[in-house]
Protein backbone atom coordinates (compact mmCIF):
# COMPACT_ATOMS: atom_id res chain seq x y z
CA UNK A 1 0.00 0.00 0.00
CA UNK A 2 1.40 3.37 -1.03
CA UNK A 3 0.23 6.90 -0.35
CA UNK A 4 -1.45 6.91 -3.76
CA UNK A 5 -2.66 3.36 -4.40
CA UNK A 6 -3.90 0.41 -2.35
CA UNK A 7 -3.13 -2.85 -4.14
CA UNK A 8 -5.96 -5.37 -4.03
CA UNK A 9 -5.86 -9.15 -4.40
CA UNK A 10 -9.16 -10.65 -5.57
CA UNK A 11 -9.77 -14.31 -4.68
CA UNK A 12 -12.45 -15.79 -6.90
CA UNK A 13 -13.41 -14.66 -10.38
CA UNK A 14 -16.81 -16.24 -10.83
CA UNK A 15 -20.10 -14.37 -10.83
CA UNK A 16 -19.46 -12.36 -7.66
CA UNK A 17 -15.89 -11.49 -8.58
CA UNK A 18 -16.72 -10.48 -12.14
CA UNK A 19 -19.98 -8.62 -11.45
CA UNK A 20 -19.94 -7.20 -7.92
CA UNK A 21 -16.30 -6.69 -7.06
CA UNK A 22 -13.99 -6.20 -10.04
CA UNK A 23 -16.03 -3.40 -11.69
CA UNK A 24 -16.31 -1.43 -8.45
CA UNK A 25 -12.68 -1.98 -7.51
CA UNK A 26 -11.55 -0.86 -10.97
CA UNK A 27 -13.58 2.35 -10.84
CA UNK A 28 -12.63 3.39 -7.29
CA UNK A 29 -9.80 5.94 -7.36
CA UNK A 30 -6.97 4.85 -5.09
CA UNK A 31 -7.63 1.11 -5.44
CA UNK A 32 -5.92 -1.15 -7.99
CA UNK A 33 -6.44 -4.85 -8.67
CA UNK A 34 -2.88 -6.17 -8.56
CA UNK A 35 -3.53 -9.91 -8.39
CA UNK A 36 -6.35 -12.42 -8.87
CA UNK A 37 -6.66 -16.02 -7.73
CA UNK A 38 -8.55 -17.94 -10.40
CA UNK A 39 -8.44 -21.18 -12.38
CA UNK A 40 -9.27 -19.20 -15.53
CA UNK A 41 -6.30 -16.90 -16.21
CA UNK A 42 -7.34 -16.18 -19.80
CA UNK A 43 -10.68 -14.75 -18.65
CA UNK A 44 -9.03 -12.68 -15.95
CA UNK A 45 -6.47 -11.16 -18.32
CA UNK A 46 -9.06 -10.56 -21.02
CA UNK A 47 -11.12 -8.55 -18.54
CA UNK A 48 -8.46 -6.96 -16.35
CA UNK A 49 -5.31 -6.80 -18.44
CA UNK A 50 -1.84 -7.33 -17.02
CA UNK A 51 -2.53 -8.48 -13.48
CA UNK A 52 -0.82 -11.33 -11.68
CA UNK A 53 -2.96 -14.48 -11.79
CA UNK A 54 -2.47 -17.22 -9.20
CA UNK A 55 -4.04 -20.65 -9.48
CA UNK A 56 -4.16 -21.00 -5.69
CA UNK A 57 -5.13 -18.44 -3.02
CA UNK A 58 -2.01 -19.19 -0.97
CA UNK A 59 0.21 -17.68 -3.65
CA UNK A 60 -1.83 -14.49 -3.68
CA UNK A 61 -1.72 -14.25 0.11
CA UNK A 62 2.07 -14.51 -0.05
CA UNK A 63 2.32 -11.56 -2.45
CA UNK A 64 3.94 -8.68 -0.52
CA UNK A 65 2.46 -6.11 -2.91
CA UNK A 66 -1.13 -7.00 -1.94
CA UNK A 67 -2.46 -4.96 0.99
CA UNK A 68 -6.19 -5.74 0.75
CA UNK A 69 -7.67 -9.16 -0.01
CA UNK A 70 -11.22 -9.42 -1.35
CA UNK A 71 -12.92 -12.82 -1.02
CA UNK A 72 -15.43 -13.49 -3.80
CA UNK A 73 -15.17 -17.26 -3.46
CA UNK A 74 -17.80 -19.89 -2.51
CA UNK A 75 -19.36 -19.46 0.93
CA UNK A 76 -17.67 -22.45 2.51
CA UNK A 77 -14.23 -20.95 1.79
CA UNK A 78 -14.85 -17.60 3.46
CA UNK A 79 -13.77 -18.56 6.96
CA UNK A 80 -10.53 -20.41 6.14
CA UNK A 81 -9.43 -17.90 3.51
CA UNK A 82 -10.24 -14.86 5.66
CA UNK A 83 -8.35 -16.42 8.57
CA UNK A 84 -5.35 -17.15 6.36
CA UNK A 85 -5.40 -13.63 4.91
CA UNK A 86 -5.53 -11.99 8.34
CA UNK A 87 -2.72 -14.23 9.57
CA UNK A 88 -0.72 -13.11 6.52
CA UNK A 89 -1.16 -9.49 7.61
CA UNK A 90 -3.70 -8.51 4.96
CA UNK A 91 -6.76 -6.32 5.33
CA UNK A 92 -9.83 -8.31 4.27
CA UNK A 93 -13.20 -7.79 2.59
CA UNK A 94 -15.45 -10.86 2.60
CA UNK A 95 -18.47 -11.24 0.35
CA UNK A 96 -21.64 -12.19 2.22
CA UNK A 97 -22.33 -14.42 4.02
CA UNK A 98 -19.43 -13.59 6.32
CA UNK A 99 -18.84 -17.25 7.28
CA UNK A 100 -20.71 -20.52 7.74
CA UNK A 101 -21.44 -19.95 11.43
CA UNK A 102 -21.48 -17.19 14.01
CA UNK A 103 -18.70 -18.92 15.95
CA UNK A 104 -16.42 -18.68 12.92
CA UNK A 105 -17.36 -15.02 12.44
CA UNK A 106 -16.61 -14.21 16.08
CA UNK A 107 -13.19 -15.83 15.76
CA UNK A 108 -12.37 -13.70 12.72
CA UNK A 109 -13.54 -10.51 14.46
CA UNK A 110 -11.20 -11.22 17.37
CA UNK A 111 -8.31 -12.10 15.04
CA UNK A 112 -8.66 -8.88 13.04
CA UNK A 113 -8.76 -6.85 16.25
CA UNK A 114 -5.67 -8.63 17.60
CA UNK A 115 -3.82 -8.04 14.32
CA UNK A 116 -4.93 -4.42 14.00
CA UNK A 117 -6.35 -5.10 10.53
CA UNK A 118 -9.48 -3.98 8.72
CA UNK A 119 -12.11 -6.69 8.31
CA UNK A 120 -15.29 -5.82 6.45
CA UNK A 121 -18.20 -7.71 4.89
CA UNK A 122 -19.66 -6.76 1.52
CA UNK A 123 -23.24 -6.02 2.51
CA UNK A 124 -23.74 -4.00 -0.67
CA UNK A 125 -27.54 -3.84 -0.36
CA UNK A 126 -27.09 -1.06 2.18
CA UNK A 127 -26.52 1.10 -0.89
CA UNK A 128 -29.58 -0.08 -2.84
CA UNK A 129 -31.88 2.65 -4.12
CA UNK A 130 -34.70 1.16 -2.07
CA UNK A 131 -32.67 0.95 1.12
CA UNK A 132 -31.46 4.53 0.82
CA UNK A 133 -35.02 5.74 0.31
CA UNK A 134 -36.27 3.77 3.31
CA UNK A 135 -33.50 5.17 5.50
CA UNK A 136 -34.47 8.70 4.51
CA UNK A 137 -38.13 8.08 5.36
CA UNK A 138 -37.21 6.54 8.71
CA UNK A 139 -34.86 9.41 9.55
CA UNK A 140 -37.50 11.99 8.62
CA UNK A 141 -40.20 10.27 10.67
CA UNK A 142 -42.54 10.48 7.68
CA UNK A 143 -44.35 7.24 8.55
CA UNK A 144 -44.50 7.79 12.28
CA UNK A 145 -43.43 4.90 14.49
CA UNK A 146 -43.06 1.85 12.24
CA UNK A 147 -44.95 -1.13 13.67
CA UNK A 148 -44.60 -3.64 10.83
CA UNK A 149 -42.16 -4.05 7.96
CA UNK A 150 -41.74 -6.64 5.23
CA UNK A 151 -38.80 -7.15 2.87
CA UNK A 152 -38.52 -9.69 0.08
CA UNK A 153 -36.24 -11.01 -2.65
CA UNK A 154 -38.34 -13.12 -5.01
CA UNK A 155 -37.25 -14.98 -8.15
CA UNK A 156 -38.73 -17.55 -10.49
CA UNK A 157 -36.32 -20.44 -11.02
CA UNK A 158 -38.52 -23.53 -10.82
CA UNK A 159 -35.76 -25.92 -11.89
CA UNK A 160 -32.86 -26.57 -9.49
CA UNK A 161 -29.50 -25.74 -11.04
CA UNK A 162 -26.16 -27.52 -10.82
CA UNK A 163 -24.19 -24.76 -9.10
CA UNK A 164 -22.51 -24.38 -5.74
CA UNK A 165 -25.15 -21.93 -4.48
CA UNK A 166 -27.61 -24.84 -4.50
CA UNK A 167 -25.28 -27.33 -2.78
CA UNK A 168 -25.42 -27.64 1.01
CA UNK A 169 -21.81 -28.82 1.15
CA UNK A 170 -20.62 -25.55 -0.44
CA UNK A 171 -22.63 -23.40 1.96
CA UNK A 172 -25.46 -22.87 -0.51
CA UNK A 173 -29.19 -22.43 -0.09
CA UNK A 174 -31.38 -19.35 -0.32
CA UNK A 175 -31.15 -18.65 3.43
CA UNK A 176 -27.38 -18.13 3.23
CA UNK A 177 -27.63 -16.43 -0.16
CA UNK A 178 -30.39 -13.86 0.34
CA UNK A 179 -30.97 -14.08 4.09
CA UNK A 180 -27.83 -12.01 4.84
CA UNK A 181 -29.13 -9.15 2.68
CA UNK A 182 -32.54 -9.02 4.34
CA UNK A 183 -31.29 -9.50 7.89
CA UNK A 184 -28.66 -6.79 7.44
CA UNK A 185 -31.35 -4.50 6.03
CA UNK A 186 -33.58 -5.07 9.05
CA UNK A 187 -30.68 -4.39 11.42
CA UNK A 188 -29.86 -1.21 9.51
CA UNK A 189 -33.43 0.06 9.85
CA UNK A 190 -34.41 -1.13 13.31
CA UNK A 191 -31.42 -2.54 15.22
CA UNK A 192 -31.22 -5.91 16.93
CA UNK A 193 -34.42 -7.93 17.49
CA UNK A 194 -35.18 -10.03 20.52
CA UNK A 195 -35.93 -13.19 18.57
CA UNK A 196 -36.43 -14.85 15.22
CA UNK A 197 -38.75 -17.55 13.93
CA UNK A 198 -37.98 -19.07 10.53
CA UNK A 199 -39.19 -21.68 8.07
CA UNK A 200 -36.67 -22.96 5.48
CA UNK A 201 -38.40 -25.50 3.21
CA UNK A 202 -37.29 -27.25 0.04
CA UNK A 203 -40.20 -26.73 -2.37
CA UNK A 204 -38.83 -27.59 -5.82
CA UNK A 205 -38.75 -31.23 -6.94
CA UNK A 206 -35.15 -32.39 -6.91
CA UNK A 207 -33.99 -29.48 -4.77
CA UNK A 208 -30.93 -30.14 -2.62
CA UNK A 209 -31.24 -27.24 -0.19
CA UNK A 210 -33.85 -24.74 0.97
CA UNK A 211 -35.26 -22.67 -1.89
CA UNK A 212 -37.74 -20.55 0.06
CA UNK A 213 -37.74 -18.91 3.46
CA UNK A 214 -40.03 -16.91 5.65
CA UNK A 215 -38.66 -15.38 8.83
CA UNK A 216 -40.17 -13.07 11.43
CA UNK A 217 -38.10 -10.82 13.69
CA UNK A 218 -39.69 -9.83 17.01
CA UNK A 219 -38.58 -6.60 18.69
CA UNK A 220 -38.80 -5.47 22.29
CA UNK A 221 -41.22 -2.65 21.45
CA UNK A 222 -43.61 -4.97 19.63
CA UNK A 223 -42.37 -4.24 16.10
CA UNK A 224 -42.60 -7.20 13.73
CA UNK A 225 -40.38 -7.52 10.64
CA UNK A 226 -41.12 -10.21 8.06
CA UNK A 227 -38.36 -11.37 5.71
CA UNK A 228 -38.97 -13.63 2.74
CA UNK A 229 -37.40 -15.00 -0.42
CA UNK A 230 -38.50 -17.60 -2.92
CA UNK A 231 -37.32 -19.33 -6.07
CA UNK A 232 -40.97 -19.95 -7.01
CA UNK A 233 -42.40 -16.45 -7.27
CA UNK A 234 -43.30 -15.64 -10.86
CA UNK A 235 -45.09 -12.59 -9.47
CA UNK A 236 -42.83 -10.98 -6.89
CA UNK A 237 -43.99 -9.53 -3.62
CA UNK A 238 -43.03 -5.90 -2.87
CA UNK A 239 -39.33 -5.46 -2.30
CA UNK A 240 -40.02 -3.36 0.82
CA UNK A 241 -43.14 -2.34 2.72
CA UNK A 242 -42.98 -0.14 5.81
CA UNK A 243 -46.14 0.46 7.85
CA UNK A 244 -46.18 3.11 10.57
CA UNK A 245 -48.66 4.94 12.76
CA UNK A 246 -48.79 7.80 10.26
CA UNK A 247 -48.82 5.83 7.02
CA UNK A 248 -47.09 3.37 4.72
CA UNK A 249 -44.46 3.22 1.99
CA UNK A 250 -44.26 0.36 -0.51
CA UNK A 251 -41.63 -0.17 -3.20
CA UNK A 252 -42.25 -3.00 -5.64
CA UNK A 253 -39.15 -3.66 -7.74
CA UNK A 254 -35.46 -4.32 -7.22
CA UNK A 255 -32.67 -1.78 -7.31
CA UNK A 256 -31.22 -1.62 -10.87
CA UNK A 257 -27.50 -1.73 -10.03
CA UNK A 258 -27.06 -5.52 -10.18
CA UNK A 259 -28.71 -5.63 -13.61
CA UNK A 260 -26.49 -2.77 -14.79
CA UNK A 261 -23.33 -4.52 -13.62
CA UNK A 262 -24.39 -7.82 -15.21
CA UNK A 263 -24.95 -5.94 -18.48
CA UNK A 264 -21.40 -4.63 -18.30
CA UNK A 265 -22.22 -1.06 -17.37
CA UNK A 266 -19.64 0.53 -15.08
CA UNK A 267 -19.88 3.43 -12.64
CA UNK A 268 -18.52 6.55 -14.31
CA UNK A 269 -17.70 8.60 -11.25
CA UNK A 270 -20.80 10.73 -11.78
CA UNK A 271 -22.99 9.78 -8.81
CA UNK A 272 -26.04 11.41 -10.36
CA UNK A 273 -25.78 9.15 -13.42
CA UNK A 274 -25.34 5.83 -11.57
CA UNK A 275 -27.95 3.73 -9.79
CA UNK A 276 -30.89 5.68 -11.17
CA UNK A 277 -34.11 3.88 -10.21
CA UNK A 278 -36.99 5.06 -12.34
CA UNK A 279 -39.66 3.20 -10.38
CA UNK A 280 -41.42 5.32 -7.80
CA UNK A 281 -42.66 3.83 -4.59
CA UNK A 282 -46.10 4.54 -3.15
CA UNK A 283 -46.24 6.77 -0.08
CA UNK A 284 -49.57 6.91 1.73
CA UNK A 285 -49.60 9.14 4.80
CA UNK A 286 -52.37 10.55 6.92
CA UNK A 287 -53.06 14.26 6.61
CA UNK A 288 -56.03 15.94 8.27
CA UNK A 289 -57.51 12.53 9.00
CA UNK A 290 -57.29 11.35 5.40
CA UNK A 291 -54.86 9.01 3.65
CA UNK A 292 -53.73 10.11 0.21
CA UNK A 293 -51.45 7.66 -1.69
CA UNK A 294 -48.92 9.39 -3.95
CA UNK A 295 -45.82 8.37 -5.91
CA UNK A 296 -42.50 8.94 -4.18
CA UNK A 297 -39.28 9.20 -6.24
CA UNK A 298 -36.59 6.72 -5.30
CA UNK A 299 -33.09 7.70 -4.24
CA UNK A 300 -30.21 6.69 -6.52
CA UNK A 301 -28.38 3.51 -5.62
CA UNK A 302 -24.74 3.93 -4.62
CA UNK A 303 -22.74 0.68 -4.72
CA UNK A 304 -19.49 2.60 -5.45
CA UNK A 305 -19.74 4.07 -1.95
CA UNK A 306 -18.72 0.76 -0.37
CA UNK A 307 -15.23 0.50 -1.85
CA UNK A 308 -14.74 4.26 -1.58
CA UNK A 309 -15.45 3.75 2.12
CA UNK A 310 -12.97 0.87 2.34
CA UNK A 311 -10.28 3.03 0.73
CA UNK A 312 -10.97 5.89 3.11
CA UNK A 313 -11.00 3.57 6.12
CA UNK A 314 -7.59 2.15 5.17
CA UNK A 315 -6.26 5.70 4.79
CA UNK A 316 -7.60 6.64 8.22
CA UNK A 317 -10.09 9.12 6.80
CA UNK A 318 -13.39 7.34 7.58
CA UNK A 319 -14.80 4.40 9.57
CA UNK A 320 -15.14 0.90 8.14
CA UNK A 321 -18.35 1.04 6.02
CA UNK A 322 -19.48 -2.40 7.25
CA UNK A 323 -17.65 -3.31 10.46
CA UNK A 324 -17.18 -7.03 10.98
CA UNK A 325 -18.97 -6.95 14.34
CA UNK A 326 -22.15 -5.85 12.53
CA UNK A 327 -21.81 -8.78 10.14
CA UNK A 328 -21.35 -11.04 13.17
CA UNK A 329 -24.84 -10.04 14.32
CA UNK A 330 -26.15 -11.04 10.89
CA UNK A 331 -24.47 -14.43 11.31
CA UNK A 332 -25.98 -14.90 14.77
CA UNK A 333 -29.45 -14.35 13.30
CA UNK A 334 -28.72 -16.72 10.41
CA UNK A 335 -27.70 -19.38 12.94
CA UNK A 336 -30.78 -18.64 15.04
CA UNK A 337 -32.98 -18.94 11.97
CA UNK A 338 -31.55 -22.35 11.11
CA UNK A 339 -32.09 -23.51 14.68
CA UNK A 340 -35.64 -22.14 14.63
CA UNK A 341 -36.46 -23.99 11.42
CA UNK A 342 -34.94 -27.24 12.67
CA UNK A 343 -36.76 -27.15 16.02
CA UNK A 344 -39.90 -25.34 14.84
CA UNK A 345 -39.77 -22.68 17.53
CA UNK A 346 -38.82 -19.08 18.12
CA UNK A 347 -35.15 -18.60 19.05
CA UNK A 348 -33.84 -15.69 21.11
CA UNK A 349 -30.89 -13.82 19.64
CA UNK A 350 -29.30 -13.90 23.10
CA UNK A 351 -29.18 -17.71 22.84
CA UNK A 352 -26.57 -17.42 20.05
CA UNK A 353 -23.20 -16.43 21.54
CA UNK A 354 -21.50 -13.31 20.27
């Protein structure tokens, strides 16, 4: 790491590496992809040019020029690779989910603290257009005290696919894929709940891991937050619905940034031109005893803010944009949800050690 450039080593160049990490790393001033660990060097060099390509992560971790390691590898590798990277003296960004279990996450948090290294988890949905709009409404108090919220990620993929995200042994399943996004979103809006109750069924014929979930978070003040995702939703539920004592806000569709990145569009540095979400939500608030629904423009999404925040944190100019201890709370709720589904009961968050 120099005063001008932080060299990054990217481990994994599959979907996450190609779509969510490399484009944002490449367009963040002050960050440079110096090395990639991948079994497909031709693809890496075709996309990224003259970078060092290592067949095995260990070689990348031994590279003295790499200051920051980004893990975009299968879920089951996150814990061992993050541990090895921290032990090698590297700062680390881990794609979600942080680890397989909360115990593993807690160990990594302690290790990073002992080593004096940055450890962050890529909870990019904090910078969704929808999330940013919801945060503004909550900060403004537009809806009054929120008493019920519902967030969903719905897809229609009725046929199981031969990929690691649908293999239990690789840490797959929709709970570990989309659950981290929704749990982190709930924590961002409302803080830690008292308890969670979850159902994690396998609904598709031939499915090898859960392909639908419904979870309810219970809060001390009575707030209820419902989280859901499905591979069998040809008609999606609203992405977010917030219901308060003064009214409601509902946003139907997904943030456009993932689709833009998949299509090869890159952030230009012009924040006003990136993450534009043309779909308005519906805001219905009570005025003079009457409720009048009206369209509400959606904030721009801002995925580039994450890696800009990582850069600034490493330079001592800003806090870690997603501190590892926050991602540990997500992991505790993921563990609690699995226990709830297995035992068909509500599980207290306090029952899962920090």
